[in-house]
Amino acid sequence: MGMLANAGIALAEGSRQPQETIMASKDVHVVAAGDRWAVVADGGHGRETFRTQKEAIAAGWEQARRRQVDLLIHGRDGHVRERNRFGAELAALSG
């Protein structure tokens, strides 16, 4: 298993979202962090933890919307189970 640097989050072997992608990404990720859930942003350098996945998703949703990036919600196994797009290209389409 790989470890997400500065976040202490193990990703499952064969994850669809490998650690290198998260590290290079400007997107916002909701990931399991032990018995808690974390919102990881800024290529793995920004991290905030929450008691429940629902709380983490709400915080991640707001961050991704504000920054106009994607929100990727991972399951406990590390695989991406949902992706929400808030990118600038969507703002241009709706605008």
C-alpha atoms as a PDB file:
ATOM      1  CA  MET A   1       0.000   0.000   0.000  1.00  0.00           C
ATOM      2  CA  GLY A   2       1.157   3.521  -0.725  1.00  0.00           C
ATOM      3  CA  MET A   3       0.966   6.335   1.768  1.00  0.00           C
ATOM      4  CA  LEU A   4      -0.313   9.781   0.882  1.00  0.00           C
ATOM      5  CA  ALA A   5       2.521  12.059   2.054  1.00  0.00           C
ATOM      6  CA  ASN A   6       1.654  14.545   4.787  1.00  0.00           C
ATOM      7  CA  ALA A   7      -1.787  12.978   5.212  1.00  0.00           C
ATOM      8  CA  GLY A   8      -1.152   9.550   6.727  1.00  0.00           C
ATOM      9  CA  ILE A   9      -3.735   7.959   4.427  1.00  0.00           C
ATOM     10  CA  ALA A  10      -3.182   4.467   3.035  1.00  0.00           C
ATOM     11  CA  LEU A  11      -4.569   3.768  -0.412  1.00  0.00           C
ATOM     12  CA  ALA A  12      -5.533   0.251  -1.426  1.00  0.00           C
ATOM     13  CA  GLU A  13      -3.269  -1.621  -3.802  1.00  0.00           C
ATOM     14  CA  GLY A  14      -4.585  -1.203  -7.353  1.00  0.00           C
ATOM     15  CA  SER A  15      -6.511   1.945  -6.434  1.00  0.00           C
ATOM     16  CA  ARG A  16      -8.011   3.837  -9.332  1.00  0.00           C
ATOM     17  CA  GLN A  17      -6.572   6.997  -7.801  1.00  0.00           C
ATOM     18  CA  PRO A  18      -2.854   6.264  -7.264  1.00  0.00           C
ATOM     19  CA  GLN A  19      -0.899   8.319  -4.777  1.00  0.00           C
ATOM     20  CA  GLU A  20       1.029  10.098  -7.546  1.00  0.00           C
ATOM     21  CA  THR A  21      -2.230  11.430  -9.022  1.00  0.00           C
ATOM     22  CA  ILE A  22      -3.437  12.804  -5.683  1.00  0.00           C
ATOM     23  CA  MET A  23      -0.048  14.330  -4.978  1.00  0.00           C
ATOM     24  CA  ALA A  24      -0.012  16.152  -8.325  1.00  0.00           C
ATOM     25  CA  SER A  25      -3.708  16.995  -8.259  1.00  0.00           C
ATOM     26  CA  LYS A  26      -5.283  20.322  -7.391  1.00  0.00           C
ATOM     27  CA  ASP A  27      -8.613  18.531  -6.968  1.00  0.00           C
ATOM     28  CA  VAL A  28     -10.220  17.926  -3.574  1.00  0.00           C
ATOM     29  CA  HIS A  29     -10.372  14.343  -2.268  1.00  0.00           C
ATOM     30  CA  VAL A  30     -12.450  12.810   0.532  1.00  0.00           C
ATOM     31  CA  VAL A  31     -10.572   9.783   1.872  1.00  0.00           C
ATOM     32  CA  ALA A  32     -10.621   7.451   4.855  1.00  0.00           C
ATOM     33  CA  ALA A  33      -8.165   8.427   7.585  1.00  0.00           C
ATOM     34  CA  GLY A  34      -8.165   5.693  10.219  1.00  0.00           C
ATOM     35  CA  ASP A  35     -11.549   5.812  11.940  1.00  0.00           C
ATOM     36  CA  ARG A  36     -12.172   9.334  10.593  1.00  0.00           C
ATOM     37  CA  TRP A  37     -12.537  10.926   7.141  1.00  0.00           C
ATOM     38  CA  ALA A  38     -10.252  13.540   5.642  1.00  0.00           C
ATOM     39  CA  VAL A  39     -10.555  16.235   3.021  1.00  0.00           C
ATOM     40  CA  VAL A  40      -7.234  16.371   1.178  1.00  0.00           C
ATOM     41  CA  ALA A  41      -6.477  19.319  -1.098  1.00  0.00           C
ATOM     42  CA  ASP A  42      -3.532  21.226  -2.545  1.00  0.00           C
ATOM     43  CA  GLY A  43      -1.769  18.152  -3.907  1.00  0.00           C
ATOM     44  CA  GLY A  44      -1.773  16.421  -0.517  1.00  0.00           C
ATOM     45  CA  HIS A  45      -0.435  19.340   1.525  1.00  0.00           C
ATOM     46  CA  GLY A  46      -3.770  20.536   2.922  1.00  0.00           C
ATOM     47  CA  ARG A  47      -5.729  18.167   5.168  1.00  0.00           C
ATOM     48  CA  GLU A  48      -8.709  18.472   7.472  1.00  0.00           C
ATOM     49  CA  THR A  49     -10.328  15.527   9.292  1.00  0.00           C
ATOM     50  CA  PHE A  50     -13.947  14.875  10.220  1.00  0.00           C
ATOM     51  CA  ARG A  51     -15.796  12.352  12.367  1.00  0.00           C
ATOM     52  CA  THR A  52     -18.060  11.168   9.526  1.00  0.00           C
ATOM     53  CA  GLN A  53     -17.801  10.799   5.767  1.00  0.00           C
ATOM     54  CA  LYS A  54     -20.933  12.937   5.408  1.00  0.00           C
ATOM     55  CA  GLU A  55     -19.231  15.867   7.208  1.00  0.00           C
ATOM     56  CA  ALA A  56     -16.097  15.444   5.084  1.00  0.00           C
ATOM     57  CA  ILE A  57     -18.119  15.379   1.853  1.00  0.00           C
ATOM     58  CA  ALA A  58     -19.954  18.586   2.814  1.00  0.00           C
ATOM     59  CA  ALA A  59     -16.651  20.368   3.523  1.00  0.00           C
ATOM     60  CA  GLY A  60     -15.010  18.958   0.393  1.00  0.00           C
ATOM     61  CA  TRP A  61     -18.014  19.934  -1.742  1.00  0.00           C
ATOM     62  CA  GLU A  62     -17.719  23.563  -0.600  1.00  0.00           C
ATOM     63  CA  GLN A  63     -13.939  23.651  -1.135  1.00  0.00           C
ATOM     64  CA  ALA A  64     -14.177  22.151  -4.625  1.00  0.00           C
ATOM     65  CA  ARG A  65     -17.024  24.463  -5.637  1.00  0.00           C
ATOM     66  CA  ARG A  66     -15.197  27.547  -4.389  1.00  0.00           C
ATOM     67  CA  ARG A  67     -11.925  26.554  -6.092  1.00  0.00           C
ATOM     68  CA  GLN A  68     -13.644  25.287  -9.277  1.00  0.00           C
ATOM     69  CA  VAL A  69     -11.939  21.888  -9.170  1.00  0.00           C
ATOM     70  CA  ASP A  70     -13.211  18.312  -9.004  1.00  0.00           C
ATOM     71  CA  LEU A  71     -14.319  16.580  -5.800  1.00  0.00           C
ATOM     72  CA  LEU A  72     -13.322  12.905  -5.693  1.00  0.00           C
ATOM     73  CA  ILE A  73     -14.951  10.777  -2.993  1.00  0.00           C
ATOM     74  CA  HIS A  74     -13.003   7.623  -2.131  1.00  0.00           C
ATOM     75  CA  GLY A  75     -14.340   4.565  -0.330  1.00  0.00           C
ATOM     76  CA  ARG A  76     -12.504   2.970   2.584  1.00  0.00           C
ATOM     77  CA  ASP A  77     -10.720   0.756   0.039  1.00  0.00           C
ATOM     78  CA  GLY A  78      -9.169   3.825  -1.628  1.00  0.00           C
ATOM     79  CA  HIS A  79     -11.109   3.506  -4.892  1.00  0.00           C
ATOM     80  CA  VAL A  80     -12.907   6.570  -6.227  1.00  0.00           C
ATOM     81  CA  ARG A  81     -16.622   5.911  -5.856  1.00  0.00           C
ATOM     82  CA  GLU A  82     -17.918   9.307  -6.963  1.00  0.00           C
ATOM     83  CA  ARG A  83     -16.617  12.351  -8.833  1.00  0.00           C
ATOM     84  CA  ASN A  84     -18.238  15.783  -8.909  1.00  0.00           C
ATOM     85  CA  ARG A  85     -17.002  18.416 -11.340  1.00  0.00           C
ATOM     86  CA  PHE A  86     -16.888  22.090 -10.410  1.00  0.00           C
ATOM     87  CA  GLY A  87     -14.241  23.131 -12.965  1.00  0.00           C
ATOM     88  CA  ALA A  88     -14.062  26.417 -14.819  1.00  0.00           C
ATOM     89  CA  GLU A  89     -15.202  24.713 -18.042  1.00  0.00           C
ATOM     90  CA  LEU A  90     -18.566  23.953 -16.381  1.00  0.00           C
ATOM     91  CA  ALA A  91     -18.948  27.557 -15.225  1.00  0.00           C
ATOM     92  CA  ALA A  92     -18.383  28.687 -18.816  1.00  0.00           C
ATOM     93  CA  LEU A  93     -21.071  26.297 -20.095  1.00  0.00           C
ATOM     94  CA  SER A  94     -23.675  27.444 -17.581  1.00  0.00           C
ATOM     95  CA  GLY A  95     -22.837  31.091 -17.807  1.00  0.00           C
END
